[in-house]
C-alpha cells in the first residue's frame, strides 16, 4: 500500500491464487470435521450401540463417545468439535479477507490440534480404545493446522 492510501483491515489475497486455494481447502476440511463431529455427537447421545464403528476390541466409538472423558464441564467433546470446526469454517470463508485472519486461523487450529492430541492420548493410554471418528477428526485438524501455518507464512511474506 502506498503512504497515501487508507489503511484497510482487508487481507489482500491477490498475491496468489494459492491463498484462495488454501482457504478453500481449510473450508472443505472444516466441513468434513463438522460432519464427523456431528456423527460423533449423535453417537454420544444415542441410546443403542452401533456396529459401524465397532470393528475390533480396541476400536469402538461408542465406548469412547460415552466415556467420562467425552464431556468437558457437561459439554460433549463432539459438540465442542462442531463449534470449533464452525469457527474455522467462518474464518476461512466469511472472514478470509481480513488481515488478522491468517493468525486467528492458526491460533484456532493449534488450539483444536492440542485438544485433539490430548483426547487421542486419552483414547490410547487411558481408555485403550480407539474411535475412528475421533482419529478422522485428528487428521482433519492436523491438515487444517498445516494449511494455516502455510497461510500465515504466505501472509507474512505479502506484508
C-alpha atoms as a PDB file:
ATOM      1  CA  UNK A   1       0.000   0.000   0.000  1.00  0.00           C
ATOM      2  CA  UNK A   2       1.191   3.496  -0.684  1.00  0.00           C
ATOM      3  CA  UNK A   3       1.575   6.022   2.097  1.00  0.00           C
ATOM      4  CA  UNK A   4      -1.378   7.992   0.694  1.00  0.00           C
ATOM      5  CA  UNK A   5      -3.848   5.139   0.633  1.00  0.00           C
ATOM      6  CA  UNK A   6      -6.161   4.444   3.512  1.00  0.00           C
ATOM      7  CA  UNK A   7      -5.308   1.621   5.829  1.00  0.00           C
ATOM      8  CA  UNK A   8      -7.623  -1.292   5.456  1.00  0.00           C
ATOM      9  CA  UNK A   9      -8.111  -4.294   7.641  1.00  0.00           C
ATOM     10  CA  UNK A  10      -8.509  -6.397   4.496  1.00  0.00           C
ATOM     11  CA  UNK A  11      -6.009  -9.163   3.781  1.00  0.00           C
ATOM     12  CA  UNK A  12      -5.112  -8.845   0.113  1.00  0.00           C
ATOM     13  CA  UNK A  13      -5.364 -12.322  -1.401  1.00  0.00           C
ATOM     14  CA  UNK A  14      -4.094 -11.101  -4.786  1.00  0.00           C
ATOM     15  CA  UNK A  15      -0.519 -12.273  -4.327  1.00  0.00           C
ATOM     16  CA  UNK A  16      -1.608 -15.734  -5.210  1.00  0.00           C
ATOM     17  CA  UNK A  17      -4.385 -17.869  -6.376  1.00  0.00           C
ATOM     18  CA  UNK A  18      -2.735 -20.297  -3.950  1.00  0.00           C
ATOM     19  CA  UNK A  19      -4.003 -18.281  -0.973  1.00  0.00           C
ATOM     20  CA  UNK A  20      -7.583 -18.728  -2.161  1.00  0.00           C
ATOM     21  CA  UNK A  21      -6.926 -22.426  -2.692  1.00  0.00           C
ATOM     22  CA  UNK A  22      -5.653 -22.730   0.900  1.00  0.00           C
ATOM     23  CA  UNK A  23      -8.773 -21.004   2.240  1.00  0.00           C
ATOM     24  CA  UNK A  24     -10.981 -23.338   0.170  1.00  0.00           C
ATOM     25  CA  UNK A  25      -9.064 -26.401   1.370  1.00  0.00           C
ATOM     26  CA  UNK A  26      -9.420 -25.274   5.002  1.00  0.00           C
ATOM     27  CA  UNK A  27     -13.141 -24.691   4.457  1.00  0.00           C
ATOM     28  CA  UNK A  28     -13.623 -28.164   2.947  1.00  0.00           C
ATOM     29  CA  UNK A  29     -11.693 -29.808   5.789  1.00  0.00           C
ATOM     30  CA  UNK A  30     -13.698 -27.798   8.343  1.00  0.00           C
ATOM     31  CA  UNK A  31     -16.976 -29.007   6.811  1.00  0.00           C
ATOM     32  CA  UNK A  32     -15.665 -32.589   6.913  1.00  0.00           C
ATOM     33  CA  UNK A  33     -14.655 -32.066  10.551  1.00  0.00           C
ATOM     34  CA  UNK A  34     -18.106 -30.707  11.378  1.00  0.00           C
ATOM     35  CA  UNK A  35     -19.707 -33.755   9.764  1.00  0.00           C
ATOM     36  CA  UNK A  36     -17.515 -36.212  11.672  1.00  0.00           C
ATOM     37  CA  UNK A  37     -18.095 -34.301  14.917  1.00  0.00           C
ATOM     38  CA  UNK A  38     -21.850 -34.251  14.297  1.00  0.00           C
ATOM     39  CA  UNK A  39     -21.917 -38.031  13.837  1.00  0.00           C
ATOM     40  CA  UNK A  40     -19.828 -38.396  16.978  1.00  0.00           C
ATOM     41  CA  UNK A  41     -22.228 -36.100  18.848  1.00  0.00           C
ATOM     42  CA  UNK A  42     -25.157 -38.212  17.684  1.00  0.00           C
ATOM     43  CA  UNK A  43     -23.345 -41.323  18.957  1.00  0.00           C
ATOM     44  CA  UNK A  44     -22.723 -39.546  22.271  1.00  0.00           C
ATOM     45  CA  UNK A  45     -26.465 -39.204  22.867  1.00  0.00           C
ATOM     46  CA  UNK A  46     -27.585 -42.447  21.183  1.00  0.00           C
ATOM     47  CA  UNK A  47     -29.322 -44.996  23.347  1.00  0.00           C
ATOM     48  CA  UNK A  48     -28.268 -48.008  21.282  1.00  0.00           C
ATOM     49  CA  UNK A  49     -24.880 -49.327  20.230  1.00  0.00           C
ATOM     50  CA  UNK A  50     -23.695 -49.040  16.656  1.00  0.00           C
ATOM     51  CA  UNK A  51     -21.856 -51.581  14.547  1.00  0.00           C
ATOM     52  CA  UNK A  52     -20.288 -49.225  12.014  1.00  0.00           C
ATOM     53  CA  UNK A  53     -17.533 -48.225  14.388  1.00  0.00           C
ATOM     54  CA  UNK A  54     -17.241 -51.396  16.442  1.00  0.00           C
ATOM     55  CA  UNK A  55     -14.618 -53.060  14.270  1.00  0.00           C
ATOM     56  CA  UNK A  56     -12.399 -54.706  16.890  1.00  0.00           C
ATOM     57  CA  UNK A  57     -11.864 -54.991  20.609  1.00  0.00           C
ATOM     58  CA  UNK A  58      -9.731 -51.837  20.596  1.00  0.00           C
ATOM     59  CA  UNK A  59     -11.775 -49.884  18.026  1.00  0.00           C
ATOM     60  CA  UNK A  60     -15.155 -48.820  19.363  1.00  0.00           C
ATOM     61  CA  UNK A  61     -16.544 -45.298  19.012  1.00  0.00           C
ATOM     62  CA  UNK A  62     -19.406 -45.954  21.429  1.00  0.00           C
ATOM     63  CA  UNK A  63     -17.014 -46.715  24.286  1.00  0.00           C
ATOM     64  CA  UNK A  64     -15.054 -43.520  23.587  1.00  0.00           C
ATOM     65  CA  UNK A  65     -18.109 -41.324  22.931  1.00  0.00           C
ATOM     66  CA  UNK A  66     -19.826 -42.415  26.131  1.00  0.00           C
ATOM     67  CA  UNK A  67     -16.828 -42.437  28.442  1.00  0.00           C
ATOM     68  CA  UNK A  68     -16.324 -39.998  31.299  1.00  0.00           C
ATOM     69  CA  UNK A  69     -13.854 -38.184  29.010  1.00  0.00           C
ATOM     70  CA  UNK A  70     -16.469 -37.497  26.341  1.00  0.00           C
ATOM     71  CA  UNK A  71     -17.648 -34.314  28.095  1.00  0.00           C
ATOM     72  CA  UNK A  72     -15.917 -31.242  29.449  1.00  0.00           C
ATOM     73  CA  UNK A  73     -17.881 -29.465  32.185  1.00  0.00           C
ATOM     74  CA  UNK A  74     -21.023 -31.188  30.926  1.00  0.00           C
ATOM     75  CA  UNK A  75     -20.446 -30.182  27.288  1.00  0.00           C
ATOM     76  CA  UNK A  76     -19.916 -33.090  24.868  1.00  0.00           C
ATOM     77  CA  UNK A  77     -16.463 -33.025  23.294  1.00  0.00           C
ATOM     78  CA  UNK A  78     -18.079 -33.727  19.917  1.00  0.00           C
ATOM     79  CA  UNK A  79     -20.232 -30.595  20.331  1.00  0.00           C
ATOM     80  CA  UNK A  80     -17.073 -28.598  21.016  1.00  0.00           C
ATOM     81  CA  UNK A  81     -15.726 -30.086  17.790  1.00  0.00           C
ATOM     82  CA  UNK A  82     -18.766 -28.992  15.770  1.00  0.00           C
ATOM     83  CA  UNK A  83     -18.443 -25.434  17.109  1.00  0.00           C
ATOM     84  CA  UNK A  84     -14.657 -25.364  16.680  1.00  0.00           C
ATOM     85  CA  UNK A  85     -14.820 -26.522  13.089  1.00  0.00           C
ATOM     86  CA  UNK A  86     -17.616 -23.984  12.529  1.00  0.00           C
ATOM     87  CA  UNK A  87     -15.293 -21.218  13.723  1.00  0.00           C
ATOM     88  CA  UNK A  88     -12.570 -22.438  11.361  1.00  0.00           C
ATOM     89  CA  UNK A  89     -15.102 -22.538   8.518  1.00  0.00           C
ATOM     90  CA  UNK A  90     -16.228 -18.973   9.246  1.00  0.00           C
ATOM     91  CA  UNK A  91     -12.632 -17.740   9.340  1.00  0.00           C
ATOM     92  CA  UNK A  92     -11.829 -19.472   6.048  1.00  0.00           C
ATOM     93  CA  UNK A  93     -14.897 -18.116   4.271  1.00  0.00           C
ATOM     94  CA  UNK A  94     -16.708 -15.128   5.771  1.00  0.00           C
ATOM     95  CA  UNK A  95     -13.656 -13.512   7.385  1.00  0.00           C
ATOM     96  CA  UNK A  96     -10.936 -14.556   4.935  1.00  0.00           C
ATOM     97  CA  UNK A  97     -10.399 -11.040   3.585  1.00  0.00           C
ATOM     98  CA  UNK A  98      -9.360  -9.625   6.960  1.00  0.00           C
ATOM     99  CA  UNK A  99      -5.693  -9.069   7.613  1.00  0.00           C
ATOM    100  CA  UNK A 100      -5.793 -10.769  11.019  1.00  0.00           C
ATOM    101  CA  UNK A 101      -7.496 -13.934   9.722  1.00  0.00           C
ATOM    102  CA  UNK A 102      -4.340 -15.973   8.982  1.00  0.00           C
ATOM    103  CA  UNK A 103      -3.157 -15.513  12.578  1.00  0.00           C
ATOM    104  CA  UNK A 104      -6.607 -16.232  14.009  1.00  0.00           C
ATOM    105  CA  UNK A 105      -6.899 -19.352  11.857  1.00  0.00           C
ATOM    106  CA  UNK A 106      -3.507 -20.525  13.047  1.00  0.00           C
ATOM    107  CA  UNK A 107      -4.302 -19.924  16.729  1.00  0.00           C
ATOM    108  CA  UNK A 108      -7.700 -21.640  16.449  1.00  0.00           C
ATOM    109  CA  UNK A 109      -6.217 -24.594  14.553  1.00  0.00           C
ATOM    110  CA  UNK A 110      -3.386 -25.002  17.084  1.00  0.00           C
ATOM    111  CA  UNK A 111      -5.894 -24.940  19.943  1.00  0.00           C
ATOM    112  CA  UNK A 112      -8.006 -27.568  18.178  1.00  0.00           C
ATOM    113  CA  UNK A 113      -4.946 -29.700  17.451  1.00  0.00           C
ATOM    114  CA  UNK A 114      -3.787 -29.517  21.057  1.00  0.00           C
ATOM    115  CA  UNK A 115      -7.234 -30.582  22.277  1.00  0.00           C
ATOM    116  CA  UNK A 116      -7.388 -33.403  19.718  1.00  0.00           C
ATOM    117  CA  UNK A 117      -3.939 -34.654  20.713  1.00  0.00           C
ATOM    118  CA  UNK A 118      -4.961 -34.703  24.379  1.00  0.00           C
ATOM    119  CA  UNK A 119      -8.101 -36.678  23.502  1.00  0.00           C
ATOM    120  CA  UNK A 120      -6.035 -39.073  21.382  1.00  0.00           C
ATOM    121  CA  UNK A 121      -3.762 -39.641  24.369  1.00  0.00           C
ATOM    122  CA  UNK A 122      -6.848 -40.432  26.482  1.00  0.00           C
ATOM    123  CA  UNK A 123      -8.058 -42.905  23.851  1.00  0.00           C
ATOM    124  CA  UNK A 124      -4.741 -44.702  23.590  1.00  0.00           C
ATOM    125  CA  UNK A 125      -3.464 -44.710  27.150  1.00  0.00           C
ATOM    126  CA  UNK A 126      -6.494 -44.286  29.419  1.00  0.00           C
ATOM    127  CA  UNK A 127      -9.408 -45.913  27.601  1.00  0.00           C
ATOM    128  CA  UNK A 128      -7.181 -48.184  25.487  1.00  0.00           C
ATOM    129  CA  UNK A 129      -9.855 -47.993  22.800  1.00  0.00           C
ATOM    130  CA  UNK A 130      -9.713 -46.063  19.539  1.00  0.00           C
ATOM    131  CA  UNK A 131     -12.520 -44.198  17.806  1.00  0.00           C
ATOM    132  CA  UNK A 132     -12.349 -43.998  14.017  1.00  0.00           C
ATOM    133  CA  UNK A 133     -14.411 -40.788  14.077  1.00  0.00           C
ATOM    134  CA  UNK A 134     -12.000 -39.215  16.556  1.00  0.00           C
ATOM    135  CA  UNK A 135      -8.956 -40.270  14.549  1.00  0.00           C
ATOM    136  CA  UNK A 136     -10.575 -38.826  11.419  1.00  0.00           C
ATOM    137  CA  UNK A 137     -11.128 -35.557  13.264  1.00  0.00           C
ATOM    138  CA  UNK A 138      -7.478 -35.598  14.362  1.00  0.00           C
ATOM    139  CA  UNK A 139      -6.433 -35.985  10.712  1.00  0.00           C
ATOM    140  CA  UNK A 140      -8.668 -33.073   9.645  1.00  0.00           C
ATOM    141  CA  UNK A 141      -7.444 -30.688  12.345  1.00  0.00           C
ATOM    142  CA  UNK A 142      -3.832 -31.676  11.637  1.00  0.00           C
ATOM    143  CA  UNK A 143      -4.264 -30.850   7.935  1.00  0.00           C
ATOM    144  CA  UNK A 144      -6.033 -27.588   8.791  1.00  0.00           C
ATOM    145  CA  UNK A 145      -3.161 -26.641  11.120  1.00  0.00           C
ATOM    146  CA  UNK A 146      -0.547 -27.346   8.444  1.00  0.00           C
ATOM    147  CA  UNK A 147      -2.515 -25.245   5.928  1.00  0.00           C
ATOM    148  CA  UNK A 148      -2.929 -22.456   8.498  1.00  0.00           C
ATOM    149  CA  UNK A 149       0.854 -22.398   9.002  1.00  0.00           C
ATOM    150  CA  UNK A 150       1.380 -22.158   5.244  1.00  0.00           C
ATOM    151  CA  UNK A 151      -1.237 -19.410   5.036  1.00  0.00           C
ATOM    152  CA  UNK A 152       0.377 -17.428   7.850  1.00  0.00           C
ATOM    153  CA  UNK A 153       3.823 -17.736   6.252  1.00  0.00           C
ATOM    154  CA  UNK A 154       2.445 -16.563   2.906  1.00  0.00           C
ATOM    155  CA  UNK A 155       0.592 -13.673   4.578  1.00  0.00           C
ATOM    156  CA  UNK A 156       3.786 -12.578   6.323  1.00  0.00           C
ATOM    157  CA  UNK A 157       5.676 -12.596   3.002  1.00  0.00           C
ATOM    158  CA  UNK A 158       2.925 -10.460   1.445  1.00  0.00           C
ATOM    159  CA  UNK A 159       3.357  -7.760   4.128  1.00  0.00           C
END
